[in-house]
N, C-alpha and C. Protein backbone atom coordinates (compact mmCIF):
# COMPACT_ATOMS: atom_id res chain seq x y z
N GLY A 1 36.69 -4.01 -1.65
CA GLY A 1 37.94 -3.37 -1.40
C GLY A 1 37.75 -1.91 -1.11
N ILE A 2 38.84 -1.24 -0.81
CA ILE A 2 38.81 0.20 -0.56
C ILE A 2 39.61 0.87 -1.66
N ASP A 3 38.99 1.84 -2.32
CA ASP A 3 39.63 2.58 -3.39
C ASP A 3 39.87 4.00 -2.93
N ASP A 4 40.94 4.61 -3.42
CA ASP A 4 41.21 6.01 -3.15
C ASP A 4 40.98 6.77 -4.44
N VAL A 5 39.89 7.53 -4.48
CA VAL A 5 39.54 8.29 -5.67
C VAL A 5 39.59 9.76 -5.30
N SER A 6 40.62 10.44 -5.75
CA SER A 6 40.78 11.87 -5.45
C SER A 6 40.72 12.16 -3.97
N GLY A 7 41.35 11.33 -3.16
CA GLY A 7 41.38 11.55 -1.73
C GLY A 7 40.17 11.04 -0.98
N VAL A 8 39.25 10.36 -1.64
CA VAL A 8 38.05 9.83 -1.01
C VAL A 8 38.18 8.32 -0.90
N ALA A 9 38.01 7.79 0.30
CA ALA A 9 38.05 6.34 0.48
C ALA A 9 36.67 5.77 0.22
N ARG A 10 36.60 4.71 -0.56
CA ARG A 10 35.33 4.06 -0.86
C ARG A 10 35.42 2.59 -0.44
N ALA A 11 34.43 2.15 0.27
CA ALA A 11 34.34 0.74 0.64
C ALA A 11 33.16 0.17 -0.14
N THR A 12 33.45 -0.49 -1.23
CA THR A 12 32.39 -0.92 -2.15
C THR A 12 31.45 -1.96 -1.57
N SER A 13 31.86 -2.67 -0.54
CA SER A 13 31.00 -3.69 0.06
C SER A 13 30.50 -3.31 1.44
N GLY A 14 30.81 -2.11 1.91
CA GLY A 14 30.39 -1.68 3.24
C GLY A 14 31.54 -1.66 4.21
N LEU A 15 31.26 -1.17 5.42
CA LEU A 15 32.27 -1.07 6.47
C LEU A 15 31.83 -1.84 7.70
N LEU A 16 32.78 -2.54 8.30
CA LEU A 16 32.58 -3.17 9.60
C LEU A 16 33.54 -2.51 10.57
N PHE A 17 33.12 -2.37 11.82
CA PHE A 17 33.94 -1.66 12.80
C PHE A 17 34.50 -2.63 13.84
N ASN A 18 35.70 -2.32 14.30
CA ASN A 18 36.40 -3.11 15.31
C ASN A 18 36.52 -4.56 14.83
N ALA A 19 36.20 -5.53 15.68
CA ALA A 19 36.37 -6.94 15.33
C ALA A 19 35.08 -7.56 14.77
N ASP A 20 34.08 -6.74 14.48
CA ASP A 20 32.80 -7.25 13.98
C ASP A 20 32.98 -7.93 12.63
N THR A 21 32.37 -9.09 12.46
CA THR A 21 32.43 -9.80 11.18
C THR A 21 31.05 -10.08 10.61
N ALA A 22 29.99 -9.68 11.31
CA ALA A 22 28.62 -10.00 10.88
C ALA A 22 28.22 -9.14 9.70
N ASP A 23 27.83 -9.78 8.61
CA ASP A 23 27.42 -9.08 7.41
C ASP A 23 26.24 -8.15 7.68
N ALA A 24 25.35 -8.53 8.57
CA ALA A 24 24.17 -7.71 8.88
C ALA A 24 24.55 -6.40 9.57
N ASN A 25 25.74 -6.31 10.13
CA ASN A 25 26.16 -5.11 10.86
C ASN A 25 26.96 -4.13 10.02
N LYS A 26 27.20 -4.44 8.78
CA LYS A 26 28.03 -3.54 7.99
C LYS A 26 27.26 -2.28 7.60
N LEU A 27 27.97 -1.17 7.60
CA LEU A 27 27.43 0.10 7.13
C LEU A 27 27.63 0.13 5.63
N ASP A 28 26.52 0.06 4.90
CA ASP A 28 26.64 -0.05 3.45
C ASP A 28 25.87 1.04 2.70
N ASP A 29 25.42 2.08 3.43
CA ASP A 29 24.69 3.15 2.75
C ASP A 29 24.76 4.43 3.56
N TYR A 30 25.06 5.53 2.89
CA TYR A 30 24.97 6.87 3.46
C TYR A 30 24.55 7.78 2.33
N GLU A 31 23.56 8.63 2.59
CA GLU A 31 23.06 9.49 1.53
C GLU A 31 22.43 10.73 2.14
N GLU A 32 22.58 11.86 1.48
CA GLU A 32 21.90 13.10 1.83
C GLU A 32 21.20 13.60 0.59
N GLY A 33 20.04 14.23 0.77
CA GLY A 33 19.34 14.74 -0.39
C GLY A 33 18.12 15.55 -0.02
N THR A 34 17.35 15.86 -1.04
CA THR A 34 16.11 16.61 -0.88
C THR A 34 14.94 15.74 -1.33
N PHE A 35 13.75 16.13 -0.91
CA PHE A 35 12.54 15.44 -1.33
C PHE A 35 11.44 16.48 -1.48
N THR A 36 10.31 16.09 -2.05
CA THR A 36 9.20 17.02 -2.27
C THR A 36 7.92 16.39 -1.76
N LEU A 37 7.31 17.02 -0.76
CA LEU A 37 6.01 16.56 -0.29
C LEU A 37 4.93 17.16 -1.17
N ALA A 38 3.84 16.41 -1.34
CA ALA A 38 2.70 16.84 -2.15
C ALA A 38 1.44 16.23 -1.56
N MET A 39 0.31 16.76 -1.96
CA MET A 39 -0.95 16.14 -1.55
C MET A 39 -1.03 14.77 -2.22
N TYR A 40 -1.51 13.79 -1.48
CA TYR A 40 -1.65 12.41 -1.96
C TYR A 40 -2.60 12.39 -3.15
N SER A 41 -2.44 11.44 -4.01
CA SER A 41 -3.25 11.29 -5.22
C SER A 41 -4.74 11.40 -4.90
N GLY A 42 -5.42 12.26 -5.62
CA GLY A 42 -6.86 12.43 -5.44
C GLY A 42 -7.26 13.47 -4.41
N GLN A 43 -6.29 14.03 -3.69
CA GLN A 43 -6.58 15.04 -2.67
C GLN A 43 -6.49 16.44 -3.28
N SER A 44 -7.34 17.35 -2.82
CA SER A 44 -7.28 18.73 -3.30
C SER A 44 -6.24 19.50 -2.50
N GLY A 45 -5.76 20.58 -3.10
CA GLY A 45 -4.78 21.42 -2.45
C GLY A 45 -3.37 21.17 -2.94
N THR A 46 -2.45 21.99 -2.43
CA THR A 46 -1.04 21.88 -2.80
C THR A 46 -0.19 22.03 -1.55
N ILE A 47 1.08 21.69 -1.69
CA ILE A 47 2.05 21.90 -0.62
C ILE A 47 3.21 22.68 -1.20
N THR A 48 3.59 23.74 -0.51
CA THR A 48 4.78 24.51 -0.87
C THR A 48 5.91 24.02 0.01
N ASN A 49 6.97 23.53 -0.62
CA ASN A 49 8.14 22.99 0.09
C ASN A 49 9.20 24.08 0.20
N TYR A 50 9.45 24.59 1.42
CA TYR A 50 10.50 25.57 1.63
C TYR A 50 11.81 24.90 2.02
N PHE A 51 11.73 23.87 2.83
CA PHE A 51 12.92 23.15 3.28
C PHE A 51 12.54 21.69 3.41
N ALA A 52 13.17 20.82 2.64
CA ALA A 52 12.85 19.39 2.67
C ALA A 52 14.13 18.61 2.40
N LYS A 53 14.79 18.18 3.48
CA LYS A 53 16.06 17.46 3.35
C LYS A 53 16.01 16.17 4.15
N TYR A 54 16.81 15.21 3.70
CA TYR A 54 16.89 13.94 4.41
C TYR A 54 18.35 13.51 4.52
N THR A 55 18.59 12.65 5.52
CA THR A 55 19.86 11.94 5.66
C THR A 55 19.52 10.48 5.87
N LYS A 56 20.16 9.60 5.11
CA LYS A 56 19.95 8.16 5.24
C LYS A 56 21.28 7.52 5.63
N ILE A 57 21.28 6.83 6.77
CA ILE A 57 22.47 6.10 7.23
C ILE A 57 22.03 4.66 7.43
N GLY A 58 22.53 3.77 6.60
CA GLY A 58 22.05 2.39 6.66
C GLY A 58 20.57 2.36 6.33
N ARG A 59 19.76 1.81 7.24
CA ARG A 59 18.30 1.76 7.04
C ARG A 59 17.57 2.90 7.74
N ASN A 60 18.29 3.76 8.51
CA ASN A 60 17.68 4.88 9.22
C ASN A 60 17.60 6.10 8.32
N VAL A 61 16.40 6.68 8.23
CA VAL A 61 16.17 7.88 7.44
C VAL A 61 15.66 8.97 8.37
N THR A 62 16.25 10.15 8.31
CA THR A 62 15.78 11.30 9.06
C THR A 62 15.32 12.36 8.06
N LEU A 63 14.06 12.81 8.22
CA LEU A 63 13.49 13.85 7.38
C LEU A 63 13.33 15.13 8.18
N ASN A 64 13.62 16.25 7.55
CA ASN A 64 13.35 17.57 8.11
C ASN A 64 12.63 18.38 7.05
N PHE A 65 11.45 18.88 7.41
CA PHE A 65 10.60 19.56 6.42
C PHE A 65 9.98 20.80 7.03
N TYR A 66 9.93 21.87 6.24
CA TYR A 66 9.10 23.01 6.56
C TYR A 66 8.44 23.48 5.28
N GLY A 67 7.15 23.71 5.35
CA GLY A 67 6.41 24.19 4.19
C GLY A 67 5.02 24.63 4.59
N THR A 68 4.18 24.80 3.58
CA THR A 68 2.80 25.19 3.83
C THR A 68 1.86 24.27 3.07
N ILE A 69 0.70 24.05 3.67
CA ILE A 69 -0.39 23.34 3.00
C ILE A 69 -1.37 24.41 2.55
N ASN A 70 -1.77 24.34 1.30
CA ASN A 70 -2.56 25.40 0.70
C ASN A 70 -3.86 24.87 0.12
N ASN A 71 -4.97 25.49 0.46
CA ASN A 71 -6.27 25.24 -0.17
C ASN A 71 -6.67 23.77 -0.16
N ALA A 72 -6.55 23.14 1.00
CA ALA A 72 -6.87 21.71 1.13
C ALA A 72 -8.15 21.50 1.94
N THR A 73 -8.99 22.51 2.05
CA THR A 73 -10.17 22.42 2.90
C THR A 73 -11.22 21.45 2.37
N GLY A 74 -11.16 21.09 1.10
CA GLY A 74 -12.17 20.21 0.52
C GLY A 74 -11.96 18.73 0.78
N ASN A 75 -10.90 18.36 1.48
CA ASN A 75 -10.61 16.95 1.72
C ASN A 75 -11.34 16.44 2.96
N SER A 76 -11.85 15.22 2.89
CA SER A 76 -12.46 14.63 4.08
C SER A 76 -11.39 14.03 4.99
N VAL A 77 -10.26 13.61 4.43
CA VAL A 77 -9.08 13.20 5.18
C VAL A 77 -7.89 13.89 4.56
N VAL A 78 -6.80 13.98 5.28
CA VAL A 78 -5.62 14.68 4.79
C VAL A 78 -4.49 13.67 4.69
N ARG A 79 -4.00 13.48 3.48
CA ARG A 79 -2.86 12.59 3.26
C ARG A 79 -1.81 13.33 2.44
N ILE A 80 -0.55 13.15 2.83
CA ILE A 80 0.56 13.84 2.19
C ILE A 80 1.57 12.80 1.73
N SER A 81 1.93 12.83 0.46
CA SER A 81 2.87 11.85 -0.07
C SER A 81 4.22 12.50 -0.35
N GLY A 82 5.21 11.65 -0.61
CA GLY A 82 6.48 12.15 -1.08
C GLY A 82 7.69 11.91 -0.21
N PHE A 83 7.56 11.10 0.89
CA PHE A 83 8.81 10.88 1.61
C PHE A 83 9.72 10.00 0.77
N PRO A 84 11.03 10.17 0.91
CA PRO A 84 11.96 9.66 -0.09
C PRO A 84 12.23 8.16 -0.08
N PHE A 85 11.97 7.47 1.02
CA PHE A 85 12.23 6.03 1.08
C PHE A 85 11.02 5.36 1.71
N SER A 86 10.69 4.19 1.22
CA SER A 86 9.53 3.49 1.75
C SER A 86 9.76 3.10 3.19
N LEU A 87 8.67 3.00 3.90
CA LEU A 87 8.67 2.66 5.31
C LEU A 87 8.49 1.16 5.45
N ALA A 88 9.11 0.59 6.48
CA ALA A 88 8.85 -0.83 6.77
C ALA A 88 7.34 -1.01 6.91
N ASN A 89 6.84 -2.20 6.80
CA ASN A 89 5.41 -2.47 6.71
C ASN A 89 4.70 -2.22 8.05
N ILE A 90 4.70 -0.95 8.47
CA ILE A 90 4.05 -0.53 9.70
C ILE A 90 3.54 0.89 9.54
N HIS A 91 2.72 1.35 10.47
CA HIS A 91 2.40 2.76 10.59
C HIS A 91 3.30 3.32 11.67
N TYR A 92 3.75 4.54 11.51
CA TYR A 92 4.75 5.08 12.42
C TYR A 92 4.43 6.53 12.72
N ALA A 93 4.45 6.90 13.98
CA ALA A 93 4.16 8.28 14.37
C ALA A 93 5.29 9.21 13.97
N ALA A 94 4.93 10.38 13.50
CA ALA A 94 5.90 11.41 13.14
C ALA A 94 5.56 12.66 13.94
N THR A 95 6.53 13.50 14.17
CA THR A 95 6.32 14.72 14.94
C THR A 95 6.07 15.89 14.00
N ALA A 96 4.90 16.49 14.14
CA ALA A 96 4.65 17.78 13.51
C ALA A 96 4.95 18.80 14.60
N ASN A 97 6.19 19.25 14.66
CA ASN A 97 6.60 20.08 15.79
C ASN A 97 6.18 21.53 15.65
N TYR A 98 5.54 21.85 14.56
CA TYR A 98 4.96 23.18 14.40
C TYR A 98 3.80 23.08 13.43
N SER A 99 2.69 23.62 13.80
CA SER A 99 1.56 23.80 12.90
C SER A 99 0.87 25.05 13.39
N ASN A 100 0.69 26.03 12.52
CA ASN A 100 0.21 27.32 13.01
C ASN A 100 -1.30 27.38 13.20
N SER A 101 -2.00 26.26 13.02
CA SER A 101 -3.45 26.33 13.16
C SER A 101 -4.07 25.26 14.04
N GLN A 102 -3.45 24.12 14.18
CA GLN A 102 -4.09 23.03 14.92
C GLN A 102 -3.03 22.08 15.46
N SER A 103 -3.29 21.52 16.63
CA SER A 103 -2.40 20.50 17.17
C SER A 103 -2.71 19.18 16.48
N VAL A 104 -1.73 18.61 15.83
CA VAL A 104 -1.97 17.39 15.06
C VAL A 104 -0.91 16.34 15.37
N GLN A 105 -1.26 15.12 15.11
CA GLN A 105 -0.31 14.00 15.12
C GLN A 105 -0.27 13.47 13.70
N LEU A 106 0.91 13.28 13.17
CA LEU A 106 1.06 12.67 11.86
C LEU A 106 1.42 11.21 12.03
N PHE A 107 0.93 10.38 11.15
CA PHE A 107 1.37 9.00 11.07
C PHE A 107 1.89 8.76 9.68
N MET A 108 2.93 7.95 9.58
CA MET A 108 3.46 7.54 8.29
C MET A 108 2.89 6.17 7.98
N SER A 109 2.44 6.00 6.77
CA SER A 109 1.86 4.74 6.35
C SER A 109 2.82 4.01 5.43
N SER A 110 2.83 2.68 5.53
CA SER A 110 3.64 1.90 4.60
C SER A 110 3.09 2.03 3.18
N GLY A 111 1.89 2.61 3.03
CA GLY A 111 1.32 2.88 1.72
C GLY A 111 1.96 4.08 1.03
N GLY A 112 2.87 4.78 1.72
CA GLY A 112 3.61 5.86 1.07
C GLY A 112 3.10 7.26 1.35
N TYR A 113 2.44 7.49 2.47
CA TYR A 113 1.94 8.82 2.76
C TYR A 113 1.92 9.07 4.27
N PHE A 114 1.93 10.36 4.63
CA PHE A 114 1.61 10.80 5.98
C PHE A 114 0.11 10.99 6.04
N TYR A 115 -0.48 10.74 7.17
CA TYR A 115 -1.86 11.19 7.36
C TYR A 115 -2.00 11.89 8.69
N TYR A 116 -2.89 12.86 8.70
CA TYR A 116 -3.16 13.62 9.90
C TYR A 116 -4.05 12.83 10.84
N GLN A 117 -3.77 12.96 12.10
CA GLN A 117 -4.62 12.36 13.13
C GLN A 117 -4.80 13.41 14.20
N ASN A 118 -6.01 13.90 14.37
CA ASN A 118 -6.29 14.87 15.42
C ASN A 118 -5.93 14.24 16.75
N THR A 119 -5.30 14.99 17.61
CA THR A 119 -4.85 14.43 18.89
C THR A 119 -5.99 14.16 19.85
N THR A 120 -7.19 14.63 19.55
CA THR A 120 -8.31 14.43 20.47
C THR A 120 -9.29 13.37 20.01
N VAL A 121 -9.06 12.77 18.85
CA VAL A 121 -9.99 11.77 18.31
C VAL A 121 -9.20 10.53 17.93
N GLY A 122 -9.66 9.35 18.33
CA GLY A 122 -8.96 8.11 18.00
C GLY A 122 -9.37 7.58 16.65
N GLY A 123 -8.62 6.58 16.18
CA GLY A 123 -8.97 5.91 14.94
C GLY A 123 -8.14 6.36 13.76
N ASN A 124 -8.03 5.51 12.78
CA ASN A 124 -7.23 5.75 11.60
C ASN A 124 -7.89 6.79 10.69
N ASN A 125 -7.16 7.82 10.33
CA ASN A 125 -7.63 8.85 9.41
C ASN A 125 -8.91 9.52 9.87
N GLN A 126 -9.11 9.67 11.16
CA GLN A 126 -10.33 10.29 11.65
C GLN A 126 -10.01 11.54 12.44
N GLY A 127 -10.92 12.47 12.42
CA GLY A 127 -10.88 13.58 13.34
C GLY A 127 -10.11 14.80 12.90
N GLN A 128 -9.39 14.77 11.79
CA GLN A 128 -8.68 15.97 11.41
C GLN A 128 -9.67 17.01 10.92
N ASP A 129 -9.42 18.24 11.25
CA ASP A 129 -10.30 19.35 10.88
C ASP A 129 -9.69 20.04 9.68
N THR A 130 -10.19 19.71 8.50
CA THR A 130 -9.58 20.28 7.29
C THR A 130 -9.93 21.74 7.09
N SER A 131 -10.86 22.27 7.86
CA SER A 131 -11.24 23.67 7.68
C SER A 131 -10.07 24.63 7.93
N TRP A 132 -9.08 24.20 8.71
CA TRP A 132 -7.94 25.07 8.97
C TRP A 132 -6.89 25.01 7.87
N LEU A 133 -7.04 24.11 6.91
CA LEU A 133 -6.05 23.98 5.83
C LEU A 133 -6.39 24.91 4.67
N ASP A 134 -6.46 26.21 4.95
CA ASP A 134 -6.79 27.16 3.92
C ASP A 134 -5.51 27.60 3.22
N ALA A 135 -5.28 28.85 3.05
CA ALA A 135 -4.08 29.30 2.36
C ALA A 135 -2.89 29.33 3.31
N ALA A 136 -1.81 28.74 2.90
CA ALA A 136 -0.51 28.86 3.57
C ALA A 136 -0.52 28.47 5.04
N THR A 137 -1.06 27.30 5.36
CA THR A 137 -0.98 26.76 6.72
C THR A 137 0.40 26.17 6.90
N GLY A 138 1.22 26.80 7.74
CA GLY A 138 2.59 26.35 7.92
C GLY A 138 2.67 25.07 8.73
N ILE A 139 3.66 24.23 8.39
CA ILE A 139 3.89 23.00 9.14
C ILE A 139 5.37 22.64 9.06
N ALA A 140 5.90 22.15 10.18
CA ALA A 140 7.27 21.64 10.23
C ALA A 140 7.20 20.19 10.70
N ILE A 141 7.92 19.32 10.03
CA ILE A 141 7.90 17.89 10.34
C ILE A 141 9.33 17.40 10.54
N ASN A 142 9.54 16.65 11.60
CA ASN A 142 10.81 15.98 11.84
C ASN A 142 10.50 14.53 12.18
N VAL A 143 11.14 13.60 11.51
CA VAL A 143 10.89 12.18 11.79
C VAL A 143 12.12 11.36 11.41
N THR A 144 12.37 10.32 12.19
CA THR A 144 13.37 9.32 11.85
C THR A 144 12.66 7.98 11.80
N TYR A 145 12.87 7.24 10.72
CA TYR A 145 12.20 5.95 10.55
C TYR A 145 13.15 4.96 9.90
N ILE A 146 12.73 3.70 9.90
CA ILE A 146 13.54 2.63 9.33
C ILE A 146 12.89 2.12 8.05
N THR A 147 13.71 1.97 7.01
CA THR A 147 13.20 1.49 5.73
C THR A 147 13.08 -0.03 5.76
């Protein structure tokens, strides 16, 4: 049903639009919030989160992040955990639209982390140059994915 609580309409079972009757098409989730990225378990270094917000509409999640990676030069691979909703069982490319030291491609793993992929070297978790991940390496990430 639809309840009116202090001027807010709530559809407890979701919303269908126009003449649609398919249960799979109902809008049953909307959420906004913050998240915290961190170095993946066992990785050296830290991440400073300056801006980390998400919007979830149905199964679509959009992340916007800006922060720095600090003192991560000791890692042989770079993995970053902390996105707010699990990814469908696939790897998915994400856009690192700013990195002040190296051109990188990020991939999201269904294992719960981003990993760096150097744009000039193929293969999973290969080719990233961790030497540039010294103090305060800035990075901005924007990605939309399906849970």
